[in-house]
Amino acid sequence: MITQPYMIDSHCHIHDPEHAFEVAEVLTGAVAAGVRQLICIGTSAEDSRLAVDFAKQYEGIWATVGLHPHDAALGEDDFEVLARLVGDEKVVAIGECGLDYHYENSPRDAQLRALEYQLQLAVS
């Protein structure tokens, strides 16, 4: 049975402390616009942890865990953090991940290693 349709914001960063979001204001605006669920995107191990912790505080907010290509060279320890976080009930996807050879903020081999790891994590 389909009830009233609604939207999901599939990519937001309202958990990011670098941005001065008034969370209550953002959530009120989202509901007013018909958005009922939001997915906070993790871009590094630490940011992924923040996204998961943030999502745990709110109904209808979920998180992803991942290493953005720009952060792929941060280190192998980040892989272990992602592996621990991925089992959390608030985690709905792996990412933000991929390859970015335009800016190359991380070496290509590090980007490939991070992407391959995240793909394996996603299918396991």
N, C-alpha and C. Protein backbone atom coordinates (compact mmCIF):
# COMPACT_ATOMS: atom_id res chain seq x y z
N MET A 1 0.84 -1.17 0.00
CA MET A 1 0.00 0.00 0.00
C MET A 1 0.89 1.25 0.00
N ILE A 2 0.63 2.14 -0.92
CA ILE A 2 1.39 3.39 -1.02
C ILE A 2 0.63 4.48 -0.27
N THR A 3 1.32 5.09 0.64
CA THR A 3 0.73 6.23 1.34
C THR A 3 1.22 7.50 0.65
N GLN A 4 1.09 8.61 1.30
CA GLN A 4 1.52 9.87 0.70
C GLN A 4 3.00 9.81 0.32
N PRO A 5 3.34 10.18 -0.92
CA PRO A 5 4.75 10.12 -1.34
C PRO A 5 5.59 11.15 -0.59
N TYR A 6 6.85 10.84 -0.48
CA TYR A 6 7.78 11.77 0.16
C TYR A 6 9.14 11.63 -0.48
N MET A 7 10.02 12.55 -0.15
CA MET A 7 11.36 12.56 -0.71
C MET A 7 12.39 12.16 0.35
N ILE A 8 13.52 11.67 -0.15
CA ILE A 8 14.68 11.35 0.68
C ILE A 8 15.85 12.16 0.15
N ASP A 9 16.51 12.89 1.03
CA ASP A 9 17.75 13.57 0.66
C ASP A 9 18.85 12.52 0.75
N SER A 10 19.31 12.07 -0.40
CA SER A 10 20.24 10.94 -0.44
C SER A 10 21.70 11.35 -0.29
N HIS A 11 21.95 12.65 -0.10
CA HIS A 11 23.36 13.08 0.03
C HIS A 11 23.41 14.44 0.72
N CYS A 12 23.65 14.40 2.03
CA CYS A 12 23.81 15.66 2.75
C CYS A 12 24.98 15.55 3.73
N HIS A 13 25.38 16.69 4.25
CA HIS A 13 26.51 16.76 5.18
C HIS A 13 26.14 17.60 6.40
N ILE A 14 24.91 17.47 6.86
CA ILE A 14 24.49 18.31 7.99
C ILE A 14 25.16 17.89 9.30
N HIS A 15 25.82 16.75 9.30
CA HIS A 15 26.56 16.30 10.47
C HIS A 15 27.93 16.97 10.60
N ASP A 16 28.37 17.62 9.55
CA ASP A 16 29.73 18.17 9.48
C ASP A 16 29.87 19.39 10.38
N PRO A 17 30.72 19.32 11.41
CA PRO A 17 30.86 20.45 12.32
C PRO A 17 31.49 21.69 11.69
N GLU A 18 32.09 21.54 10.50
CA GLU A 18 32.67 22.70 9.82
C GLU A 18 31.59 23.64 9.27
N HIS A 19 30.38 23.13 9.12
CA HIS A 19 29.27 23.94 8.63
C HIS A 19 28.41 24.37 9.81
N ALA A 20 27.96 25.58 9.77
CA ALA A 20 27.19 26.14 10.89
C ALA A 20 25.69 25.94 10.66
N PHE A 21 25.27 24.68 10.57
CA PHE A 21 23.86 24.39 10.37
C PHE A 21 23.13 24.43 11.71
N GLU A 22 21.97 25.03 11.71
CA GLU A 22 21.04 24.88 12.82
C GLU A 22 20.22 23.65 12.49
N VAL A 23 20.53 22.54 13.12
CA VAL A 23 19.93 21.26 12.75
C VAL A 23 18.41 21.32 12.82
N ALA A 24 17.87 21.89 13.87
CA ALA A 24 16.41 21.96 13.99
C ALA A 24 15.81 22.72 12.82
N GLU A 25 16.45 23.79 12.40
CA GLU A 25 15.97 24.59 11.27
C GLU A 25 16.05 23.79 9.97
N VAL A 26 17.15 23.08 9.77
CA VAL A 26 17.31 22.26 8.57
C VAL A 26 16.24 21.17 8.52
N LEU A 27 16.03 20.50 9.64
CA LEU A 27 15.04 19.42 9.67
C LEU A 27 13.63 19.93 9.48
N THR A 28 13.32 21.07 10.07
CA THR A 28 11.99 21.68 9.89
C THR A 28 11.78 22.05 8.43
N GLY A 29 12.79 22.64 7.81
CA GLY A 29 12.70 22.99 6.39
C GLY A 29 12.57 21.77 5.51
N ALA A 30 13.27 20.70 5.85
CA ALA A 30 13.19 19.47 5.07
C ALA A 30 11.78 18.90 5.12
N VAL A 31 11.23 18.81 6.32
CA VAL A 31 9.86 18.28 6.47
C VAL A 31 8.86 19.15 5.70
N ALA A 32 9.02 20.47 5.79
CA ALA A 32 8.12 21.38 5.08
C ALA A 32 8.20 21.18 3.57
N ALA A 33 9.37 20.78 3.08
CA ALA A 33 9.56 20.55 1.65
C ALA A 33 9.18 19.13 1.23
N GLY A 34 8.76 18.30 2.18
CA GLY A 34 8.36 16.94 1.84
C GLY A 34 9.47 15.91 2.00
N VAL A 35 10.60 16.33 2.55
CA VAL A 35 11.72 15.41 2.77
C VAL A 35 11.52 14.75 4.13
N ARG A 36 11.46 13.42 4.14
CA ARG A 36 11.19 12.71 5.39
C ARG A 36 12.40 11.96 5.92
N GLN A 37 13.39 11.72 5.05
CA GLN A 37 14.60 11.02 5.47
C GLN A 37 15.81 11.68 4.84
N LEU A 38 16.92 11.65 5.56
CA LEU A 38 18.16 12.23 5.08
C LEU A 38 19.28 11.22 5.28
N ILE A 39 20.24 11.23 4.36
CA ILE A 39 21.38 10.35 4.48
C ILE A 39 22.64 11.21 4.55
N CYS A 40 23.31 11.16 5.70
CA CYS A 40 24.55 11.90 5.92
C CYS A 40 25.71 11.07 5.36
N ILE A 41 26.52 11.70 4.53
CA ILE A 41 27.57 11.01 3.80
C ILE A 41 28.92 11.17 4.50
N GLY A 42 29.54 10.04 4.83
CA GLY A 42 30.88 10.05 5.40
C GLY A 42 31.93 10.13 4.30
N THR A 43 32.93 10.97 4.49
CA THR A 43 33.96 11.16 3.46
C THR A 43 35.35 10.74 3.92
N SER A 44 35.52 10.47 5.20
CA SER A 44 36.77 9.98 5.78
C SER A 44 36.37 9.09 6.95
N ALA A 45 37.34 8.45 7.56
CA ALA A 45 37.01 7.61 8.71
C ALA A 45 36.39 8.44 9.82
N GLU A 46 36.99 9.57 10.15
CA GLU A 46 36.47 10.42 11.21
C GLU A 46 35.11 11.01 10.83
N ASP A 47 34.98 11.46 9.60
CA ASP A 47 33.71 12.03 9.16
C ASP A 47 32.61 10.96 9.14
N SER A 48 32.97 9.74 8.78
CA SER A 48 32.01 8.64 8.80
C SER A 48 31.53 8.38 10.22
N ARG A 49 32.45 8.41 11.17
CA ARG A 49 32.07 8.23 12.58
C ARG A 49 31.12 9.33 13.02
N LEU A 50 31.43 10.57 12.61
CA LEU A 50 30.55 11.70 12.95
C LEU A 50 29.17 11.52 12.33
N ALA A 51 29.12 11.06 11.08
CA ALA A 51 27.84 10.85 10.40
C ALA A 51 27.00 9.81 11.12
N VAL A 52 27.63 8.71 11.53
CA VAL A 52 26.90 7.65 12.24
C VAL A 52 26.41 8.16 13.59
N ASP A 53 27.29 8.83 14.33
CA ASP A 53 26.89 9.36 15.64
C ASP A 53 25.75 10.36 15.50
N PHE A 54 25.80 11.20 14.49
CA PHE A 54 24.75 12.18 14.25
C PHE A 54 23.43 11.47 13.93
N ALA A 55 23.48 10.48 13.04
CA ALA A 55 22.27 9.77 12.63
C ALA A 55 21.60 9.07 13.82
N LYS A 56 22.39 8.62 14.76
CA LYS A 56 21.84 7.93 15.94
C LYS A 56 20.98 8.86 16.79
N GLN A 57 21.15 10.14 16.63
CA GLN A 57 20.41 11.11 17.44
C GLN A 57 19.02 11.43 16.89
N TYR A 58 18.75 11.02 15.62
CA TYR A 58 17.53 11.47 14.97
C TYR A 58 16.82 10.32 14.27
N GLU A 59 15.51 10.34 14.37
CA GLU A 59 14.67 9.43 13.60
C GLU A 59 14.68 9.90 12.15
N GLY A 60 14.79 8.98 11.21
CA GLY A 60 14.73 9.34 9.80
C GLY A 60 16.04 9.84 9.21
N ILE A 61 17.11 9.82 10.00
CA ILE A 61 18.42 10.20 9.48
C ILE A 61 19.30 8.97 9.50
N TRP A 62 19.99 8.74 8.39
CA TRP A 62 20.84 7.57 8.19
C TRP A 62 22.24 8.04 7.82
N ALA A 63 23.16 7.12 7.70
CA ALA A 63 24.55 7.48 7.39
C ALA A 63 25.16 6.51 6.39
N THR A 64 26.17 7.02 5.69
CA THR A 64 27.05 6.16 4.91
C THR A 64 28.44 6.28 5.51
N VAL A 65 29.27 5.29 5.26
CA VAL A 65 30.66 5.33 5.69
C VAL A 65 31.54 5.12 4.48
N GLY A 66 32.58 5.93 4.35
CA GLY A 66 33.45 5.78 3.20
C GLY A 66 34.62 6.73 3.22
N LEU A 67 35.49 6.53 2.23
CA LEU A 67 36.65 7.40 2.04
C LEU A 67 36.54 8.05 0.67
N HIS A 68 36.31 9.33 0.66
CA HIS A 68 36.29 10.10 -0.58
C HIS A 68 37.67 9.98 -1.23
N PRO A 69 37.75 10.00 -2.55
CA PRO A 69 39.06 9.91 -3.20
C PRO A 69 40.06 10.96 -2.70
N HIS A 70 39.57 12.12 -2.30
CA HIS A 70 40.49 13.15 -1.80
C HIS A 70 41.13 12.72 -0.48
N ASP A 71 40.45 11.85 0.26
CA ASP A 71 40.95 11.40 1.56
C ASP A 71 41.50 9.98 1.54
N ALA A 72 41.68 9.44 0.36
CA ALA A 72 42.08 8.04 0.23
C ALA A 72 43.48 7.76 0.76
N ALA A 73 44.33 8.75 0.84
CA ALA A 73 45.71 8.54 1.27
C ALA A 73 45.89 8.72 2.77
N LEU A 74 44.80 8.83 3.52
CA LEU A 74 44.92 9.08 4.95
C LEU A 74 45.53 7.90 5.70
N GLY A 75 45.36 6.69 5.21
CA GLY A 75 46.02 5.56 5.86
C GLY A 75 45.16 4.32 5.98
N GLU A 76 45.83 3.20 6.14
CA GLU A 76 45.17 1.90 6.25
C GLU A 76 44.32 1.80 7.52
N ASP A 77 44.66 2.56 8.56
CA ASP A 77 43.86 2.53 9.79
C ASP A 77 42.42 2.93 9.51
N ASP A 78 42.22 3.77 8.51
CA ASP A 78 40.87 4.21 8.16
C ASP A 78 40.03 3.02 7.71
N PHE A 79 40.63 2.04 7.06
CA PHE A 79 39.89 0.86 6.63
C PHE A 79 39.29 0.13 7.84
N GLU A 80 40.06 0.02 8.91
CA GLU A 80 39.58 -0.66 10.11
C GLU A 80 38.41 0.09 10.73
N VAL A 81 38.48 1.41 10.72
CA VAL A 81 37.38 2.22 11.27
C VAL A 81 36.11 1.97 10.46
N LEU A 82 36.22 2.00 9.14
CA LEU A 82 35.05 1.75 8.29
C LEU A 82 34.48 0.37 8.54
N ALA A 83 35.35 -0.62 8.69
CA ALA A 83 34.88 -1.99 8.91
C ALA A 83 34.09 -2.09 10.21
N ARG A 84 34.49 -1.35 11.24
CA ARG A 84 33.74 -1.37 12.50
C ARG A 84 32.41 -0.64 12.36
N LEU A 85 32.41 0.47 11.64
CA LEU A 85 31.20 1.28 11.52
C LEU A 85 30.14 0.65 10.63
N VAL A 86 30.54 -0.10 9.65
CA VAL A 86 29.60 -0.58 8.63
C VAL A 86 28.50 -1.46 9.22
N GLY A 87 28.74 -2.07 10.35
CA GLY A 87 27.73 -2.92 10.97
C GLY A 87 26.67 -2.18 11.77
N ASP A 88 26.82 -0.87 11.92
CA ASP A 88 25.86 -0.11 12.70
C ASP A 88 24.51 -0.07 11.99
N GLU A 89 23.43 -0.15 12.77
CA GLU A 89 22.08 -0.17 12.19
C GLU A 89 21.73 1.12 11.44
N LYS A 90 22.43 2.21 11.70
CA LYS A 90 22.15 3.48 11.02
C LYS A 90 22.90 3.61 9.69
N VAL A 91 23.79 2.68 9.40
CA VAL A 91 24.57 2.73 8.15
C VAL A 91 23.79 2.04 7.04
N VAL A 92 23.53 2.80 5.96
CA VAL A 92 22.73 2.25 4.86
C VAL A 92 23.52 2.05 3.57
N ALA A 93 24.78 2.50 3.54
CA ALA A 93 25.56 2.35 2.31
C ALA A 93 27.04 2.60 2.58
N ILE A 94 27.85 2.19 1.61
CA ILE A 94 29.28 2.49 1.61
C ILE A 94 29.50 3.65 0.66
N GLY A 95 30.25 4.61 1.07
CA GLY A 95 30.55 5.76 0.22
C GLY A 95 30.53 7.01 1.08
N GLU A 96 31.13 7.93 0.73
CA GLU A 96 31.40 8.46 -0.59
C GLU A 96 32.73 7.89 -1.05
N CYS A 97 32.71 7.21 -2.15
CA CYS A 97 33.94 6.60 -2.66
C CYS A 97 33.99 6.73 -4.17
N GLY A 98 35.14 6.43 -4.71
CA GLY A 98 35.31 6.51 -6.16
C GLY A 98 36.73 6.87 -6.50
N LEU A 99 36.91 7.37 -7.71
CA LEU A 99 38.21 7.81 -8.20
C LEU A 99 38.09 9.25 -8.67
N ASP A 100 39.08 10.06 -8.35
CA ASP A 100 39.09 11.45 -8.81
C ASP A 100 40.48 11.76 -9.32
N TYR A 101 40.65 11.62 -10.62
CA TYR A 101 41.94 11.87 -11.23
C TYR A 101 42.06 13.30 -11.75
N HIS A 102 41.02 14.09 -11.55
CA HIS A 102 41.09 15.50 -11.95
C HIS A 102 41.90 16.30 -10.94
N TYR A 103 41.51 16.22 -9.68
CA TYR A 103 42.21 16.98 -8.65
C TYR A 103 43.41 16.25 -8.10
N GLU A 104 43.33 14.94 -8.03
CA GLU A 104 44.41 14.09 -7.53
C GLU A 104 44.94 14.56 -6.18
N ASN A 105 44.02 14.78 -5.23
CA ASN A 105 44.43 15.13 -3.87
C ASN A 105 45.04 13.95 -3.15
N SER A 106 44.79 12.76 -3.63
CA SER A 106 45.44 11.54 -3.15
C SER A 106 46.04 10.84 -4.35
N PRO A 107 47.17 10.16 -4.16
CA PRO A 107 47.78 9.44 -5.29
C PRO A 107 46.82 8.40 -5.87
N ARG A 108 46.97 8.15 -7.15
CA ARG A 108 46.08 7.21 -7.82
C ARG A 108 46.09 5.82 -7.19
N ASP A 109 47.27 5.33 -6.79
CA ASP A 109 47.32 4.00 -6.21
C ASP A 109 46.57 3.96 -4.88
N ALA A 110 46.62 5.03 -4.10
CA ALA A 110 45.87 5.09 -2.84
C ALA A 110 44.37 5.13 -3.12
N GLN A 111 43.97 5.87 -4.15
CA GLN A 111 42.56 5.93 -4.51
C GLN A 111 42.05 4.55 -4.93
N LEU A 112 42.83 3.86 -5.75
CA LEU A 112 42.44 2.52 -6.19
C LEU A 112 42.34 1.56 -5.02
N ARG A 113 43.32 1.60 -4.12
CA ARG A 113 43.31 0.72 -2.95
C ARG A 113 42.08 0.99 -2.08
N ALA A 114 41.77 2.27 -1.86
CA ALA A 114 40.60 2.63 -1.04
C ALA A 114 39.31 2.20 -1.72
N LEU A 115 39.20 2.42 -3.03
CA LEU A 115 38.00 2.02 -3.75
C LEU A 115 37.81 0.51 -3.70
N GLU A 116 38.87 -0.24 -3.98
CA GLU A 116 38.78 -1.70 -3.94
C GLU A 116 38.37 -2.19 -2.57
N TYR A 117 38.93 -1.59 -1.52
CA TYR A 117 38.57 -2.00 -0.17
C TYR A 117 37.08 -1.75 0.09
N GLN A 118 36.61 -0.57 -0.29
CA GLN A 118 35.21 -0.23 -0.05
C GLN A 118 34.25 -1.10 -0.85
N LEU A 119 34.63 -1.45 -2.06
CA LEU A 119 33.79 -2.36 -2.85
C LEU A 119 33.70 -3.72 -2.18
N GLN A 120 34.83 -4.22 -1.68
CA GLN A 120 34.82 -5.49 -0.96
C GLN A 120 33.99 -5.41 0.31
N LEU A 121 34.11 -4.29 1.02
CA LEU A 121 33.32 -4.08 2.23
C LEU A 121 31.84 -4.07 1.92
N ALA A 122 31.48 -3.48 0.80
CA ALA A 122 30.07 -3.37 0.41
C ALA A 122 29.45 -4.72 0.08
N VAL A 123 30.22 -5.63 -0.48
CA VAL A 123 29.66 -6.92 -0.89
C VAL A 123 29.82 -8.00 0.18
N SER A 124 30.53 -7.69 1.24
CA SER A 124 30.74 -8.71 2.29
C SER A 124 29.65 -8.66 3.33
